[in-house]
Amino acid sequence: MDRMEAKLNQVESDVRDMKVTIENEIRVNIQRVAEGHLDLSRNLHEAMKIETEKEMLSIRVNVLESEMRRVKEHLQIA
């Protein structure tokens, strides 16, 4: 019976140690990783925003070039 109690006490001690490790180390590290992921997500969103603006400017330049070509043709400049 003493052996059983000793084993049970050891198991309880191991569980307590695991809980402390989870609370103090693993949970904190998971939070750090999550915060880093949020930062990366924000940075990606900002980069995509700039890329989208570049694409819109490219489209606008193409439209303006087409309109200028039509104006020149209309004025018989080209």
PDB file of N, CA and C in Angstrom:
ATOM      1  N   MET A   1       0.819  -1.198   0.000  1.00  0.00           N
ATOM      2  CA  MET A   1       0.000   0.000   0.000  1.00  0.00           C
ATOM      3  C   MET A   1       0.864   1.263   0.000  1.00  0.00           C
ATOM      4  N   ASP A   2       1.983   1.203   0.723  1.00  0.00           N
ATOM      5  CA  ASP A   2       2.894   2.340   0.760  1.00  0.00           C
ATOM      6  C   ASP A   2       3.472   2.635  -0.629  1.00  0.00           C
ATOM      7  N   ARG A   3       3.746   1.554  -1.351  1.00  0.00           N
ATOM      8  CA  ARG A   3       4.248   1.716  -2.722  1.00  0.00           C
ATOM      9  C   ARG A   3       3.227   2.446  -3.591  1.00  0.00           C
ATOM     10  N   MET A   4       1.965   2.060  -3.439  1.00  0.00           N
ATOM     11  CA  MET A   4       0.893   2.660  -4.219  1.00  0.00           C
ATOM     12  C   MET A   4       0.770   4.148  -3.889  1.00  0.00           C
ATOM     13  N   GLU A   5       0.848   4.475  -2.620  1.00  0.00           N
ATOM     14  CA  GLU A   5       0.777   5.881  -2.204  1.00  0.00           C
ATOM     15  C   GLU A   5       1.980   6.657  -2.731  1.00  0.00           C
ATOM     16  N   ALA A   6       3.139   6.060  -2.696  1.00  0.00           N
ATOM     17  CA  ALA A   6       4.345   6.720  -3.200  1.00  0.00           C
ATOM     18  C   ALA A   6       4.211   6.985  -4.699  1.00  0.00           C
ATOM     19  N   LYS A   7       3.708   5.992  -5.429  1.00  0.00           N
ATOM     20  CA  LYS A   7       3.504   6.170  -6.878  1.00  0.00           C
ATOM     21  C   LYS A   7       2.467   7.256  -7.142  1.00  0.00           C
ATOM     22  N   LEU A   8       1.383   7.242  -6.370  1.00  0.00           N
ATOM     23  CA  LEU A   8       0.338   8.247  -6.535  1.00  0.00           C
ATOM     24  C   LEU A   8       0.893   9.639  -6.240  1.00  0.00           C
ATOM     25  N   ASN A   9       1.686   9.754  -5.195  1.00  0.00           N
ATOM     26  CA  ASN A   9       2.307  11.038  -4.879  1.00  0.00           C
ATOM     27  C   ASN A   9       3.240  11.490  -5.996  1.00  0.00           C
ATOM     28  N   GLN A  10       3.969  10.551  -6.582  1.00  0.00           N
ATOM     29  CA  GLN A  10       4.862  10.873  -7.691  1.00  0.00           C
ATOM     30  C   GLN A  10       4.060  11.338  -8.907  1.00  0.00           C
ATOM     31  N   VAL A  11       2.967  10.664  -9.200  1.00  0.00           N
ATOM     32  CA  VAL A  11       2.107  11.054 -10.320  1.00  0.00           C
ATOM     33  C   VAL A  11       1.530  12.446 -10.076  1.00  0.00           C
ATOM     34  N   GLU A  12       1.056  12.693  -8.859  1.00  0.00           N
ATOM     35  CA  GLU A  12       0.520  14.012  -8.530  1.00  0.00           C
ATOM     36  C   GLU A  12       1.592  15.086  -8.674  1.00  0.00           C
ATOM     37  N   SER A  13       2.799  14.774  -8.247  1.00  0.00           N
ATOM     38  CA  SER A  13       3.903  15.720  -8.381  1.00  0.00           C
ATOM     39  C   SER A  13       4.219  15.980  -9.854  1.00  0.00           C
ATOM     40  N   ASP A  14       4.233  14.930 -10.657  1.00  0.00           N
ATOM     41  CA  ASP A  14       4.487  15.075 -12.093  1.00  0.00           C
ATOM     42  C   ASP A  14       3.407  15.925 -12.760  1.00  0.00           C
ATOM     43  N   VAL A  15       2.157  15.678 -12.395  1.00  0.00           N
ATOM     44  CA  VAL A  15       1.045  16.445 -12.967  1.00  0.00           C
ATOM     45  C   VAL A  15       1.174  17.913 -12.569  1.00  0.00           C
ATOM     46  N   ARG A  16       1.513  18.166 -11.315  1.00  0.00           N
ATOM     47  CA  ARG A  16       1.687  19.536 -10.835  1.00  0.00           C
ATOM     48  C   ARG A  16       2.804  20.233 -11.624  1.00  0.00           C
ATOM     49  N   ASP A  17       3.914  19.517 -11.835  1.00  0.00           N
ATOM     50  CA  ASP A  17       5.031  20.062 -12.608  1.00  0.00           C
ATOM     51  C   ASP A  17       4.613  20.380 -14.048  1.00  0.00           C
ATOM     52  N   MET A  18       3.822  19.490 -14.645  1.00  0.00           N
ATOM     53  CA  MET A  18       3.346  19.717 -16.011  1.00  0.00           C
ATOM     54  C   MET A  18       2.430  20.931 -16.075  1.00  0.00           C
ATOM     55  N   LYS A  19       1.561  21.073 -15.083  1.00  0.00           N
ATOM     56  CA  LYS A  19       0.669  22.228 -15.051  1.00  0.00           C
ATOM     57  C   LYS A  19       1.465  23.527 -14.954  1.00  0.00           C
ATOM     58  N   VAL A  20       2.495  23.524 -14.106  1.00  0.00           N
ATOM     59  CA  VAL A  20       3.334  24.718 -13.958  1.00  0.00           C
ATOM     60  C   VAL A  20       4.051  25.021 -15.267  1.00  0.00           C
ATOM     61  N   THR A  21       4.563  23.983 -15.910  1.00  0.00           N
ATOM     62  CA  THR A  21       5.251  24.170 -17.194  1.00  0.00           C
ATOM     63  C   THR A  21       4.293  24.726 -18.240  1.00  0.00           C
ATOM     64  N   ILE A  22       3.112  24.164 -18.316  1.00  0.00           N
ATOM     65  CA  ILE A  22       2.123  24.648 -19.280  1.00  0.00           C
ATOM     66  C   ILE A  22       1.769  26.101 -18.992  1.00  0.00           C
ATOM     67  N   GLU A  23       1.535  26.413 -17.743  1.00  0.00           N
ATOM     68  CA  GLU A  23       1.126  27.764 -17.357  1.00  0.00           C
ATOM     69  C   GLU A  23       2.237  28.782 -17.597  1.00  0.00           C
ATOM     70  N   ASN A  24       3.445  28.457 -17.207  1.00  0.00           N
ATOM     71  CA  ASN A  24       4.523  29.447 -17.220  1.00  0.00           C
ATOM     72  C   ASN A  24       5.333  29.488 -18.508  1.00  0.00           C
ATOM     73  N   GLU A  25       5.374  28.410 -19.237  1.00  0.00           N
ATOM     74  CA  GLU A  25       6.228  28.376 -20.422  1.00  0.00           C
ATOM     75  C   GLU A  25       5.442  28.225 -21.715  1.00  0.00           C
ATOM     76  N   ILE A  26       4.693  27.160 -21.815  1.00  0.00           N
ATOM     77  CA  ILE A  26       4.029  26.846 -23.078  1.00  0.00           C
ATOM     78  C   ILE A  26       2.983  27.897 -23.422  1.00  0.00           C
ATOM     79  N   ARG A  27       2.140  28.266 -22.472  1.00  0.00           N
ATOM     80  CA  ARG A  27       1.100  29.251 -22.742  1.00  0.00           C
ATOM     81  C   ARG A  27       1.711  30.588 -23.158  1.00  0.00           C
ATOM     82  N   VAL A  28       2.776  31.008 -22.465  1.00  0.00           N
ATOM     83  CA  VAL A  28       3.437  32.271 -22.787  1.00  0.00           C
ATOM     84  C   VAL A  28       4.042  32.208 -24.189  1.00  0.00           C
ATOM     85  N   ASN A  29       4.678  31.084 -24.515  1.00  0.00           N
ATOM     86  CA  ASN A  29       5.283  30.952 -25.840  1.00  0.00           C
ATOM     87  C   ASN A  29       4.238  30.921 -26.943  1.00  0.00           C
ATOM     88  N   ILE A  30       3.123  30.275 -26.697  1.00  0.00           N
ATOM     89  CA  ILE A  30       2.034  30.264 -27.687  1.00  0.00           C
ATOM     90  C   ILE A  30       1.524  31.684 -27.901  1.00  0.00           C
ATOM     91  N   GLN A  31       1.397  32.443 -26.839  1.00  0.00           N
ATOM     92  CA  GLN A  31       0.940  33.829 -26.962  1.00  0.00           C
ATOM     93  C   GLN A  31       1.933  34.653 -27.778  1.00  0.00           C
ATOM     94  N   ARG A  32       3.227  34.437 -27.543  1.00  0.00           N
ATOM     95  CA  ARG A  32       4.248  35.163 -28.318  1.00  0.00           C
ATOM     96  C   ARG A  32       4.163  34.820 -29.796  1.00  0.00           C
ATOM     97  N   VAL A  33       3.981  33.546 -30.099  1.00  0.00           N
ATOM     98  CA  VAL A  33       3.865  33.120 -31.495  1.00  0.00           C
ATOM     99  C   VAL A  33       2.622  33.743 -32.133  1.00  0.00           C
ATOM    100  N   ALA A  34       1.521  33.755 -31.390  1.00  0.00           N
ATOM    101  CA  ALA A  34       0.285  34.341 -31.913  1.00  0.00           C
ATOM    102  C   ALA A  34       0.464  35.829 -32.186  1.00  0.00           C
ATOM    103  N   GLU A  35       1.130  36.535 -31.279  1.00  0.00           N
ATOM    104  CA  GLU A  35       1.367  37.962 -31.491  1.00  0.00           C
ATOM    105  C   GLU A  35       2.249  38.194 -32.710  1.00  0.00           C
ATOM    106  N   GLY A  36       3.270  37.347 -32.873  1.00  0.00           N
ATOM    107  CA  GLY A  36       4.129  37.446 -34.051  1.00  0.00           C
ATOM    108  C   GLY A  36       3.354  37.190 -35.325  1.00  0.00           C
ATOM    109  N   HIS A  37       2.435  36.232 -35.271  1.00  0.00           N
ATOM    110  CA  HIS A  37       1.604  35.934 -36.436  1.00  0.00           C
ATOM    111  C   HIS A  37       0.729  37.140 -36.792  1.00  0.00           C
ATOM    112  N   LEU A  38       0.178  37.788 -35.779  1.00  0.00           N
ATOM    113  CA  LEU A  38      -0.642  38.973 -36.032  1.00  0.00           C
ATOM    114  C   LEU A  38       0.181  40.070 -36.680  1.00  0.00           C
ATOM    115  N   ASP A  39       1.412  40.259 -36.200  1.00  0.00           N
ATOM    116  CA  ASP A  39       2.286  41.268 -36.809  1.00  0.00           C
ATOM    117  C   ASP A  39       2.569  40.936 -38.265  1.00  0.00           C
ATOM    118  N   LEU A  40       2.866  39.672 -38.545  1.00  0.00           N
ATOM    119  CA  LEU A  40       3.118  39.260 -39.926  1.00  0.00           C
ATOM    120  C   LEU A  40       1.883  39.461 -40.790  1.00  0.00           C
ATOM    121  N   SER A  41       0.728  39.154 -40.235  1.00  0.00           N
ATOM    122  CA  SER A  41      -0.519  39.325 -40.976  1.00  0.00           C
ATOM    123  C   SER A  41      -0.750  40.798 -41.298  1.00  0.00           C
ATOM    124  N   ARG A  42      -0.496  41.663 -40.311  1.00  0.00           N
ATOM    125  CA  ARG A  42      -0.641  43.113 -40.554  1.00  0.00           C
ATOM    126  C   ARG A  42       0.332  43.582 -41.629  1.00  0.00           C
ATOM    127  N   ASN A  43       1.583  43.120 -41.541  1.00  0.00           N
ATOM    128  CA  ASN A  43       2.581  43.514 -42.532  1.00  0.00           C
ATOM    129  C   ASN A  43       2.188  43.042 -43.929  1.00  0.00           C
ATOM    130  N   LEU A  44       1.688  41.820 -44.025  1.00  0.00           N
ATOM    131  CA  LEU A  44       1.253  41.303 -45.315  1.00  0.00           C
ATOM    132  C   LEU A  44       0.092  42.137 -45.855  1.00  0.00           C
ATOM    133  N   HIS A  45      -0.844  42.484 -44.978  1.00  0.00           N
ATOM    134  CA  HIS A  45      -1.986  43.288 -45.395  1.00  0.00           C
ATOM    135  C   HIS A  45      -1.515  44.644 -45.930  1.00  0.00           C
ATOM    136  N   GLU A  46      -0.557  45.262 -45.241  1.00  0.00           N
ATOM    137  CA  GLU A  46      -0.025  46.547 -45.689  1.00  0.00           C
ATOM    138  C   GLU A  46       0.684  46.398 -47.028  1.00  0.00           C
ATOM    139  N   ALA A  47       1.456  45.321 -47.193  1.00  0.00           N
ATOM    140  CA  ALA A  47       2.155  45.095 -48.454  1.00  0.00           C
ATOM    141  C   ALA A  47       1.160  44.875 -49.587  1.00  0.00           C
ATOM    142  N   MET A  48       0.097  44.129 -49.320  1.00  0.00           N
ATOM    143  CA  MET A  48      -0.914  43.884 -50.344  1.00  0.00           C
ATOM    144  C   MET A  48      -1.639  45.178 -50.697  1.00  0.00           C
ATOM    145  N   LYS A  49      -1.840  46.047 -49.725  1.00  0.00           N
ATOM    146  CA  LYS A  49      -2.496  47.325 -49.970  1.00  0.00           C
ATOM    147  C   LYS A  49      -1.674  48.151 -50.963  1.00  0.00           C
ATOM    148  N   ILE A  50      -0.367  48.182 -50.767  1.00  0.00           N
ATOM    149  CA  ILE A  50       0.513  48.923 -51.676  1.00  0.00           C
ATOM    150  C   ILE A  50       0.485  48.290 -53.059  1.00  0.00           C
ATOM    151  N   GLU A  51       0.508  46.972 -53.118  1.00  0.00           N
ATOM    152  CA  GLU A  51       0.463  46.273 -54.413  1.00  0.00           C
ATOM    153  C   GLU A  51      -0.848  46.573 -55.140  1.00  0.00           C
ATOM    154  N   THR A  52      -1.943  46.604 -54.408  1.00  0.00           N
ATOM    155  CA  THR A  52      -3.243  46.907 -55.003  1.00  0.00           C
ATOM    156  C   THR A  52      -3.252  48.328 -55.561  1.00  0.00           C
ATOM    157  N   GLU A  53      -2.676  49.268 -54.818  1.00  0.00           N
ATOM    158  CA  GLU A  53      -2.594  50.651 -55.293  1.00  0.00           C
ATOM    159  C   GLU A  53      -1.763  50.737 -56.571  1.00  0.00           C
ATOM    160  N   LYS A  54      -0.650  49.981 -56.639  1.00  0.00           N
ATOM    161  CA  LYS A  54       0.168  49.970 -57.855  1.00  0.00           C
ATOM    162  C   LYS A  54      -0.630  49.445 -59.044  1.00  0.00           C
ATOM    163  N   GLU A  55      -1.391  48.380 -58.823  1.00  0.00           N
ATOM    164  CA  GLU A  55      -2.193  47.819 -59.908  1.00  0.00           C
ATOM    165  C   GLU A  55      -3.241  48.816 -60.387  1.00  0.00           C
ATOM    166  N   MET A  56      -3.881  49.515 -59.442  1.00  0.00           N
ATOM    167  CA  MET A  56      -4.887  50.510 -59.816  1.00  0.00           C
ATOM    168  C   MET A  56      -4.252  51.653 -60.604  1.00  0.00           C
ATOM    169  N   LEU A  57      -3.058  52.085 -60.206  1.00  0.00           N
ATOM    170  CA  LEU A  57      -2.368  53.145 -60.948  1.00  0.00           C
ATOM    171  C   LEU A  57      -1.992  52.671 -62.349  1.00  0.00           C
ATOM    172  N   SER A  58      -1.576  51.419 -62.468  1.00  0.00           N
ATOM    173  CA  SER A  58      -1.237  50.875 -63.775  1.00  0.00           C
ATOM    174  C   SER A  58      -2.463  50.855 -64.686  1.00  0.00           C
ATOM    175  N   ILE A  59      -3.585  50.453 -64.154  1.00  0.00           N
ATOM    176  CA  ILE A  59      -4.837  50.446 -64.923  1.00  0.00           C
ATOM    177  C   ILE A  59      -5.193  51.862 -65.348  1.00  0.00           C
ATOM    178  N   ARG A  60      -5.053  52.784 -64.413  1.00  0.00           N
ATOM    179  CA  ARG A  60      -5.401  54.189 -64.722  1.00  0.00           C
ATOM    180  C   ARG A  60      -4.492  54.744 -65.821  1.00  0.00           C
ATOM    181  N   VAL A  61      -3.198  54.428 -65.760  1.00  0.00           N
ATOM    182  CA  VAL A  61      -2.268  54.884 -66.797  1.00  0.00           C
ATOM    183  C   VAL A  61      -2.669  54.288 -68.146  1.00  0.00           C
ATOM    184  N   ASN A  62      -3.031  53.019 -68.180  1.00  0.00           N
ATOM    185  CA  ASN A  62      -3.451  52.396 -69.441  1.00  0.00           C
ATOM    186  C   ASN A  62      -4.693  53.077 -70.006  1.00  0.00           C
ATOM    187  N   VAL A  63      -5.645  53.388 -69.136  1.00  0.00           N
ATOM    188  CA  VAL A  63      -6.867  54.071 -69.593  1.00  0.00           C
ATOM    189  C   VAL A  63      -6.521  55.448 -70.134  1.00  0.00           C
ATOM    190  N   LEU A  64      -5.679  56.191 -69.420  1.00  0.00           N
ATOM    191  CA  LEU A  64      -5.300  57.536 -69.872  1.00  0.00           C
ATOM    192  C   LEU A  64      -4.530  57.485 -71.190  1.00  0.00           C
ATOM    193  N   GLU A  65      -3.666  56.487 -71.363  1.00  0.00           N
ATOM    194  CA  GLU A  65      -2.948  56.340 -72.631  1.00  0.00           C
ATOM    195  C   GLU A  65      -3.923  56.071 -73.779  1.00  0.00           C
ATOM    196  N   SER A  66      -4.906  55.228 -73.526  1.00  0.00           N
ATOM    197  CA  SER A  66      -5.901  54.927 -74.561  1.00  0.00           C
ATOM    198  C   SER A  66      -6.708  56.182 -74.905  1.00  0.00           C
ATOM    199  N   GLU A  67      -7.098  56.921 -73.881  1.00  0.00           N
ATOM    200  CA  GLU A  67      -7.846  58.157 -74.137  1.00  0.00           C
ATOM    201  C   GLU A  67      -6.994  59.166 -74.905  1.00  0.00           C
ATOM    202  N   MET A  68      -5.718  59.279 -74.556  1.00  0.00           N
ATOM    203  CA  MET A  68      -4.831  60.209 -75.254  1.00  0.00           C
ATOM    204  C   MET A  68      -4.670  59.801 -76.708  1.00  0.00           C
ATOM    205  N   ARG A  69      -4.560  58.485 -76.958  1.00  0.00           N
ATOM    206  CA  ARG A  69      -4.442  57.999 -78.332  1.00  0.00           C
ATOM    207  C   ARG A  69      -5.688  58.386 -79.136  1.00  0.00           C
ATOM    208  N   ARG A  70      -6.883  58.217 -78.512  1.00  0.00           N
ATOM    209  CA  ARG A  70      -8.122  58.582 -79.195  1.00  0.00           C
ATOM    210  C   ARG A  70      -8.201  60.083 -79.463  1.00  0.00           C
ATOM    211  N   VAL A  71      -7.743  60.891 -78.513  1.00  0.00           N
ATOM    212  CA  VAL A  71      -7.756  62.355 -78.710  1.00  0.00           C
ATOM    213  C   VAL A  71      -6.822  62.722 -79.849  1.00  0.00           C
ATOM    214  N   LYS A  72      -5.638  62.131 -79.890  1.00  0.00           N
ATOM    215  CA  LYS A  72      -4.701  62.410 -80.966  1.00  0.00           C
ATOM    216  C   LYS A  72      -5.265  61.993 -82.313  1.00  0.00           C
ATOM    217  N   GLU A  73      -5.912  60.839 -82.366  1.00  0.00           N
ATOM    218  CA  GLU A  73      -6.533  60.388 -83.609  1.00  0.00           C
ATOM    219  C   GLU A  73      -7.640  61.337 -84.034  1.00  0.00           C
ATOM    220  N   HIS A  74      -8.399  61.791 -83.058  1.00  0.00           N
ATOM    221  CA  HIS A  74      -9.486  62.716 -83.359  1.00  0.00           C
ATOM    222  C   HIS A  74      -8.942  64.041 -83.886  1.00  0.00           C
ATOM    223  N   LEU A  75      -7.841  64.482 -83.338  1.00  0.00           N
ATOM    224  CA  LEU A  75      -7.228  65.721 -83.789  1.00  0.00           C
ATOM    225  C   LEU A  75      -6.274  65.506 -84.949  1.00  0.00           C
ATOM    226  N   GLN A  76      -6.116  64.255 -85.343  1.00  0.00           N
ATOM    227  CA  GLN A  76      -5.247  63.845 -86.434  1.00  0.00           C
ATOM    228  C   GLN A  76      -3.804  64.277 -86.191  1.00  0.00           C
ATOM    229  N   ILE A  77      -3.374  64.109 -84.960  1.00  0.00           N
ATOM    230  CA  ILE A  77      -2.000  64.418 -84.601  1.00  0.00           C
ATOM    231  C   ILE A  77      -1.115  63.198 -84.770  1.00  0.00           C
ATOM    232  N   ALA A  78      -1.638  62.054 -84.469  1.00  0.00           N
ATOM    233  CA  ALA A  78      -0.821  60.832 -84.456  1.00  0.00           C
ATOM    234  C   ALA A  78      -0.495  60.336 -85.818  1.00  0.00           C
TER     235      ALA A  78
END
